[in-house]
Structure formats: structure tokens, C-alpha cells
Amino acid sequence: MFTYNQDVTATDCEPGVTRKILSYSDELMMVEVSFKKGAKGNFHSHEHLQISYVAEGSFQFTIDGQTKIVTQGDSTYMPSNSVHGVLALEDSILVDVFNPKRDDFLK
């Protein structure tokens, strides 16, 4: 029921991007994703609903062809199977929430 960030090991995702799985159940997962300036979350899609919160920094975020700049305190919603990706405009952190949990992140 409690997850302490300092106890979670970060894993490398893509160049300049690390991920920490914070908490999850079968229905829900929260993940902290850290980006170095210029790092990308490459375009992809998945069946999961996703909400992203910008905890630090700023991103160029593209969802289904629509591109916007989002900064600390902003959030985004990605419907199931939407094509999305990000570019970190500075060292930045996203908190992503998925429904259902991302089993592929647990392998």
C-alpha cells in the first residue's frame, strides 16, 4: 500500500530516459519517468488509458498528431491506442498513470 521512491530502482528505457514503477494494482499503475534534456519518448501506442502529469520541466508532447508544449503542473490524457510521444525540452519528470497496469513494465 506504500511505496517509497528511494526504495525503487530506476530502469533504463531509451537513451536519456529512466523509469520507476511507483505503485500498482491490476487496474492501475503509477510510474515516474525521468528525461534528460533532448531525450525522447518515441512514438508508440498501447491499449492502456494513460494520464501524464508534468512534475518537473517541460515537454513537446504529441498525441494523435496534435503537438503542444506542456510545463510543470500540466497534464495530458491519451485514449486507448492513441499514437503519442514526447521530447524533453529540459531535464524533466513525468508521472504516468495507466489503466490497466502495464504488465510489460513488470518483466
N, C-alpha and C. Protein backbone atom coordinates (compact mmCIF):
# COMPACT_ATOMS: atom_id res chain seq x y z
N MET A 1 0.81 -1.20 0.00
CA MET A 1 0.00 0.00 0.00
C MET A 1 0.85 1.27 0.00
N PHE A 2 2.11 1.16 0.44
CA PHE A 2 3.01 2.31 0.44
C PHE A 2 4.24 1.98 -0.37
N THR A 3 4.65 2.91 -1.20
CA THR A 3 5.89 2.76 -1.96
C THR A 3 6.73 4.00 -1.70
N TYR A 4 7.97 3.79 -1.29
CA TYR A 4 8.88 4.90 -1.02
C TYR A 4 9.83 5.04 -2.21
N ASN A 5 9.83 6.23 -2.81
CA ASN A 5 10.59 6.47 -4.03
C ASN A 5 12.05 6.05 -3.89
N GLN A 6 12.65 6.32 -2.74
CA GLN A 6 14.07 5.99 -2.55
C GLN A 6 14.32 4.49 -2.57
N ASP A 7 13.27 3.68 -2.41
CA ASP A 7 13.41 2.23 -2.42
C ASP A 7 13.21 1.61 -3.80
N VAL A 8 12.81 2.43 -4.77
CA VAL A 8 12.50 1.93 -6.11
C VAL A 8 13.72 2.11 -7.02
N THR A 9 14.09 1.06 -7.72
CA THR A 9 15.22 1.11 -8.65
C THR A 9 14.75 1.59 -10.01
N ALA A 10 15.46 2.56 -10.56
CA ALA A 10 15.15 3.07 -11.90
C ALA A 10 15.70 2.11 -12.95
N THR A 11 14.95 1.95 -14.04
CA THR A 11 15.41 1.14 -15.17
C THR A 11 15.53 2.04 -16.40
N ASP A 12 16.49 1.73 -17.26
CA ASP A 12 16.67 2.49 -18.49
C ASP A 12 15.61 2.09 -19.50
N CYS A 13 15.03 3.10 -20.16
CA CYS A 13 14.00 2.84 -21.18
C CYS A 13 14.55 3.10 -22.58
N GLU A 14 14.98 4.33 -22.78
CA GLU A 14 15.54 4.80 -24.04
C GLU A 14 16.70 5.70 -23.66
N PRO A 15 17.56 6.10 -24.59
CA PRO A 15 18.67 6.98 -24.22
C PRO A 15 18.18 8.23 -23.49
N GLY A 16 18.71 8.46 -22.28
CA GLY A 16 18.34 9.64 -21.51
C GLY A 16 17.02 9.54 -20.78
N VAL A 17 16.43 8.33 -20.74
CA VAL A 17 15.12 8.15 -20.10
C VAL A 17 15.19 6.98 -19.12
N THR A 18 14.76 7.23 -17.88
CA THR A 18 14.67 6.16 -16.88
C THR A 18 13.25 6.11 -16.31
N ARG A 19 12.88 4.93 -15.83
CA ARG A 19 11.52 4.71 -15.33
C ARG A 19 11.58 4.07 -13.94
N LYS A 20 10.70 4.55 -13.05
CA LYS A 20 10.49 3.93 -11.75
C LYS A 20 9.02 3.56 -11.63
N ILE A 21 8.74 2.29 -11.36
CA ILE A 21 7.36 1.87 -11.10
C ILE A 21 7.08 2.17 -9.64
N LEU A 22 6.14 3.08 -9.39
CA LEU A 22 5.88 3.53 -8.03
C LEU A 22 4.90 2.61 -7.31
N SER A 23 3.68 2.53 -7.78
CA SER A 23 2.66 1.67 -7.16
C SER A 23 1.78 1.11 -8.26
N TYR A 24 1.19 -0.06 -7.98
CA TYR A 24 0.27 -0.61 -8.96
C TYR A 24 -0.64 -1.66 -8.34
N SER A 25 -1.77 -1.84 -9.02
CA SER A 25 -2.71 -2.93 -8.77
C SER A 25 -3.03 -3.51 -10.13
N ASP A 26 -3.95 -4.45 -10.22
CA ASP A 26 -4.32 -4.99 -11.52
C ASP A 26 -4.94 -3.92 -12.42
N GLU A 27 -5.64 -2.96 -11.81
CA GLU A 27 -6.39 -1.97 -12.58
C GLU A 27 -5.63 -0.68 -12.84
N LEU A 28 -4.56 -0.41 -12.08
CA LEU A 28 -3.96 0.91 -12.11
C LEU A 28 -2.46 0.83 -11.86
N MET A 29 -1.68 1.71 -12.51
CA MET A 29 -0.23 1.75 -12.29
C MET A 29 0.24 3.20 -12.37
N MET A 30 1.13 3.58 -11.42
CA MET A 30 1.75 4.90 -11.42
C MET A 30 3.25 4.74 -11.63
N VAL A 31 3.79 5.52 -12.56
CA VAL A 31 5.18 5.40 -12.97
C VAL A 31 5.80 6.79 -13.03
N GLU A 32 7.03 6.93 -12.51
CA GLU A 32 7.79 8.17 -12.64
C GLU A 32 8.81 7.98 -13.75
N VAL A 33 8.79 8.89 -14.73
CA VAL A 33 9.70 8.78 -15.87
C VAL A 33 10.56 10.05 -15.92
N SER A 34 11.88 9.87 -15.83
CA SER A 34 12.82 10.99 -15.83
C SER A 34 13.49 11.09 -17.20
N PHE A 35 13.57 12.31 -17.72
CA PHE A 35 14.15 12.58 -19.04
C PHE A 35 15.28 13.59 -18.91
N LYS A 36 16.38 13.34 -19.58
CA LYS A 36 17.42 14.34 -19.76
C LYS A 36 16.98 15.27 -20.90
N LYS A 37 17.46 16.51 -20.88
CA LYS A 37 17.13 17.46 -21.95
C LYS A 37 17.44 16.83 -23.30
N GLY A 38 16.48 16.91 -24.23
CA GLY A 38 16.65 16.38 -25.58
C GLY A 38 16.27 14.92 -25.73
N ALA A 39 16.01 14.24 -24.61
CA ALA A 39 15.62 12.82 -24.70
C ALA A 39 14.19 12.71 -25.22
N LYS A 40 13.93 11.59 -25.87
CA LYS A 40 12.62 11.37 -26.48
C LYS A 40 11.94 10.14 -25.89
N GLY A 41 10.64 10.25 -25.78
CA GLY A 41 9.78 9.08 -25.61
C GLY A 41 9.23 8.83 -27.01
N ASN A 42 9.78 7.86 -27.71
CA ASN A 42 9.44 7.64 -29.12
C ASN A 42 7.95 7.36 -29.30
N PHE A 43 7.45 7.70 -30.49
CA PHE A 43 6.04 7.49 -30.79
C PHE A 43 5.68 6.02 -30.62
N HIS A 44 4.55 5.79 -29.97
CA HIS A 44 4.07 4.44 -29.72
C HIS A 44 2.58 4.51 -29.38
N SER A 45 1.96 3.37 -29.27
CA SER A 45 0.57 3.29 -28.81
C SER A 45 0.43 2.01 -28.00
N HIS A 46 -0.61 1.98 -27.18
CA HIS A 46 -0.90 0.80 -26.36
C HIS A 46 -2.38 0.83 -25.99
N GLU A 47 -2.88 -0.32 -25.56
CA GLU A 47 -4.30 -0.43 -25.24
C GLU A 47 -4.68 0.32 -23.96
N HIS A 48 -3.70 0.65 -23.15
CA HIS A 48 -3.95 1.25 -21.84
C HIS A 48 -4.37 2.71 -21.96
N LEU A 49 -5.30 3.13 -21.11
CA LEU A 49 -5.56 4.55 -20.94
C LEU A 49 -4.36 5.13 -20.20
N GLN A 50 -3.99 6.36 -20.50
CA GLN A 50 -2.83 6.97 -19.84
C GLN A 50 -3.09 8.44 -19.55
N ILE A 51 -2.74 8.84 -18.34
CA ILE A 51 -2.71 10.25 -17.96
C ILE A 51 -1.29 10.55 -17.54
N SER A 52 -0.74 11.66 -18.03
CA SER A 52 0.61 12.08 -17.67
C SER A 52 0.56 13.44 -17.00
N TYR A 53 1.33 13.57 -15.91
CA TYR A 53 1.44 14.82 -15.15
C TYR A 53 2.89 15.28 -15.21
N VAL A 54 3.12 16.53 -15.57
CA VAL A 54 4.47 17.07 -15.63
C VAL A 54 4.86 17.52 -14.22
N ALA A 55 5.69 16.70 -13.56
CA ALA A 55 6.13 17.01 -12.20
C ALA A 55 7.25 18.05 -12.19
N GLU A 56 8.10 18.01 -13.21
CA GLU A 56 9.21 18.96 -13.35
C GLU A 56 9.50 19.17 -14.82
N GLY A 57 9.93 20.38 -15.17
CA GLY A 57 10.42 20.63 -16.51
C GLY A 57 9.33 20.93 -17.53
N SER A 58 9.65 20.60 -18.80
CA SER A 58 8.72 20.87 -19.90
C SER A 58 8.97 19.90 -21.04
N PHE A 59 7.92 19.68 -21.82
CA PHE A 59 7.95 18.71 -22.91
C PHE A 59 7.23 19.26 -24.13
N GLN A 60 7.65 18.81 -25.30
CA GLN A 60 6.84 18.91 -26.51
C GLN A 60 6.13 17.57 -26.60
N PHE A 61 4.82 17.59 -26.46
CA PHE A 61 4.02 16.37 -26.37
C PHE A 61 3.16 16.27 -27.62
N THR A 62 3.17 15.11 -28.28
CA THR A 62 2.32 14.89 -29.45
C THR A 62 1.40 13.72 -29.17
N ILE A 63 0.09 13.95 -29.37
CA ILE A 63 -0.92 12.91 -29.19
C ILE A 63 -1.79 12.91 -30.44
N ASP A 64 -1.80 11.78 -31.15
CA ASP A 64 -2.59 11.64 -32.38
C ASP A 64 -2.41 12.83 -33.32
N GLY A 65 -1.15 13.24 -33.52
CA GLY A 65 -0.83 14.29 -34.48
C GLY A 65 -0.96 15.70 -33.97
N GLN A 66 -1.47 15.89 -32.77
CA GLN A 66 -1.60 17.22 -32.18
C GLN A 66 -0.43 17.46 -31.23
N THR A 67 0.35 18.52 -31.49
CA THR A 67 1.55 18.81 -30.71
C THR A 67 1.35 20.07 -29.88
N LYS A 68 1.70 19.96 -28.59
CA LYS A 68 1.59 21.08 -27.65
C LYS A 68 2.80 21.07 -26.73
N ILE A 69 3.13 22.23 -26.17
CA ILE A 69 4.14 22.33 -25.13
C ILE A 69 3.41 22.23 -23.79
N VAL A 70 3.91 21.37 -22.91
CA VAL A 70 3.36 21.24 -21.56
C VAL A 70 4.50 21.48 -20.56
N THR A 71 4.16 22.14 -19.46
CA THR A 71 5.16 22.50 -18.46
C THR A 71 4.72 22.03 -17.08
N GLN A 72 5.58 22.25 -16.10
CA GLN A 72 5.32 21.78 -14.74
C GLN A 72 3.90 22.13 -14.30
N GLY A 73 3.19 21.11 -13.81
CA GLY A 73 1.82 21.27 -13.35
C GLY A 73 0.77 20.93 -14.39
N ASP A 74 1.16 20.83 -15.67
CA ASP A 74 0.22 20.47 -16.74
C ASP A 74 0.04 18.96 -16.79
N SER A 75 -1.04 18.54 -17.45
CA SER A 75 -1.29 17.10 -17.61
C SER A 75 -1.87 16.83 -18.98
N THR A 76 -1.80 15.56 -19.37
CA THR A 76 -2.31 15.12 -20.67
C THR A 76 -3.08 13.82 -20.48
N TYR A 77 -3.95 13.52 -21.44
CA TYR A 77 -4.71 12.27 -21.44
C TYR A 77 -4.53 11.61 -22.80
N MET A 78 -4.17 10.33 -22.79
CA MET A 78 -4.03 9.56 -24.01
C MET A 78 -5.08 8.44 -24.00
N PRO A 79 -6.04 8.50 -24.92
CA PRO A 79 -7.00 7.41 -25.03
C PRO A 79 -6.32 6.11 -25.45
N SER A 80 -7.00 5.03 -25.26
CA SER A 80 -6.51 3.72 -25.68
C SER A 80 -6.12 3.75 -27.16
N ASN A 81 -4.95 3.20 -27.47
CA ASN A 81 -4.42 3.07 -28.83
C ASN A 81 -4.08 4.38 -29.53
N SER A 82 -4.04 5.49 -28.80
CA SER A 82 -3.60 6.75 -29.42
C SER A 82 -2.09 6.70 -29.64
N VAL A 83 -1.63 7.32 -30.72
CA VAL A 83 -0.20 7.38 -31.01
C VAL A 83 0.34 8.64 -30.32
N HIS A 84 1.36 8.46 -29.48
CA HIS A 84 1.88 9.59 -28.72
C HIS A 84 3.38 9.46 -28.48
N GLY A 85 4.00 10.60 -28.23
CA GLY A 85 5.43 10.65 -27.93
C GLY A 85 5.79 12.01 -27.37
N VAL A 86 6.99 12.11 -26.77
CA VAL A 86 7.42 13.35 -26.15
C VAL A 86 8.87 13.66 -26.48
N LEU A 87 9.20 14.94 -26.37
CA LEU A 87 10.57 15.43 -26.44
C LEU A 87 10.77 16.29 -25.20
N ALA A 88 11.79 15.97 -24.39
CA ALA A 88 12.08 16.77 -23.20
C ALA A 88 12.80 18.05 -23.60
N LEU A 89 12.24 19.19 -23.25
CA LEU A 89 12.83 20.47 -23.60
C LEU A 89 13.88 20.91 -22.58
N GLU A 90 13.93 20.22 -21.47
CA GLU A 90 14.92 20.42 -20.40
C GLU A 90 14.90 19.14 -19.56
N ASP A 91 15.79 19.00 -18.59
CA ASP A 91 15.69 17.86 -17.69
C ASP A 91 14.30 17.90 -17.06
N SER A 92 13.55 16.80 -17.16
CA SER A 92 12.13 16.82 -16.80
C SER A 92 11.69 15.48 -16.22
N ILE A 93 10.55 15.52 -15.52
CA ILE A 93 9.97 14.31 -14.93
C ILE A 93 8.48 14.28 -15.23
N LEU A 94 8.01 13.13 -15.73
CA LEU A 94 6.58 12.85 -15.90
C LEU A 94 6.15 11.83 -14.86
N VAL A 95 4.92 11.96 -14.39
CA VAL A 95 4.29 10.90 -13.61
C VAL A 95 3.15 10.38 -14.48
N ASP A 96 3.27 9.12 -14.90
CA ASP A 96 2.29 8.49 -15.78
C ASP A 96 1.40 7.55 -14.96
N VAL A 97 0.11 7.58 -15.28
CA VAL A 97 -0.85 6.67 -14.66
C VAL A 97 -1.51 5.89 -15.79
N PHE A 98 -1.55 4.56 -15.64
CA PHE A 98 -2.10 3.67 -16.67
C PHE A 98 -3.25 2.85 -16.11
N ASN A 99 -4.23 2.60 -16.96
CA ASN A 99 -5.33 1.68 -16.66
C ASN A 99 -5.54 0.79 -17.87
N PRO A 100 -5.46 -0.54 -17.72
CA PRO A 100 -4.99 -1.27 -16.53
C PRO A 100 -3.47 -1.16 -16.40
N LYS A 101 -2.90 -1.87 -15.43
CA LYS A 101 -1.45 -1.80 -15.22
C LYS A 101 -0.72 -2.28 -16.47
N ARG A 102 0.52 -1.84 -16.63
CA ARG A 102 1.36 -2.22 -17.76
C ARG A 102 2.16 -3.47 -17.37
N ASP A 103 1.63 -4.64 -17.71
CA ASP A 103 2.35 -5.88 -17.40
C ASP A 103 3.72 -5.91 -18.05
N ASP A 104 3.85 -5.29 -19.24
CA ASP A 104 5.14 -5.28 -19.93
C ASP A 104 6.21 -4.52 -19.13
N PHE A 105 5.83 -3.59 -18.28
CA PHE A 105 6.79 -2.88 -17.44
C PHE A 105 7.32 -3.74 -16.30
N LEU A 106 6.60 -4.80 -15.96
CA LEU A 106 6.96 -5.64 -14.82
C LEU A 106 7.87 -6.79 -15.19
N LYS A 107 8.18 -6.94 -16.48
CA LYS A 107 9.02 -8.06 -16.94
C LYS A 107 10.47 -7.68 -16.96
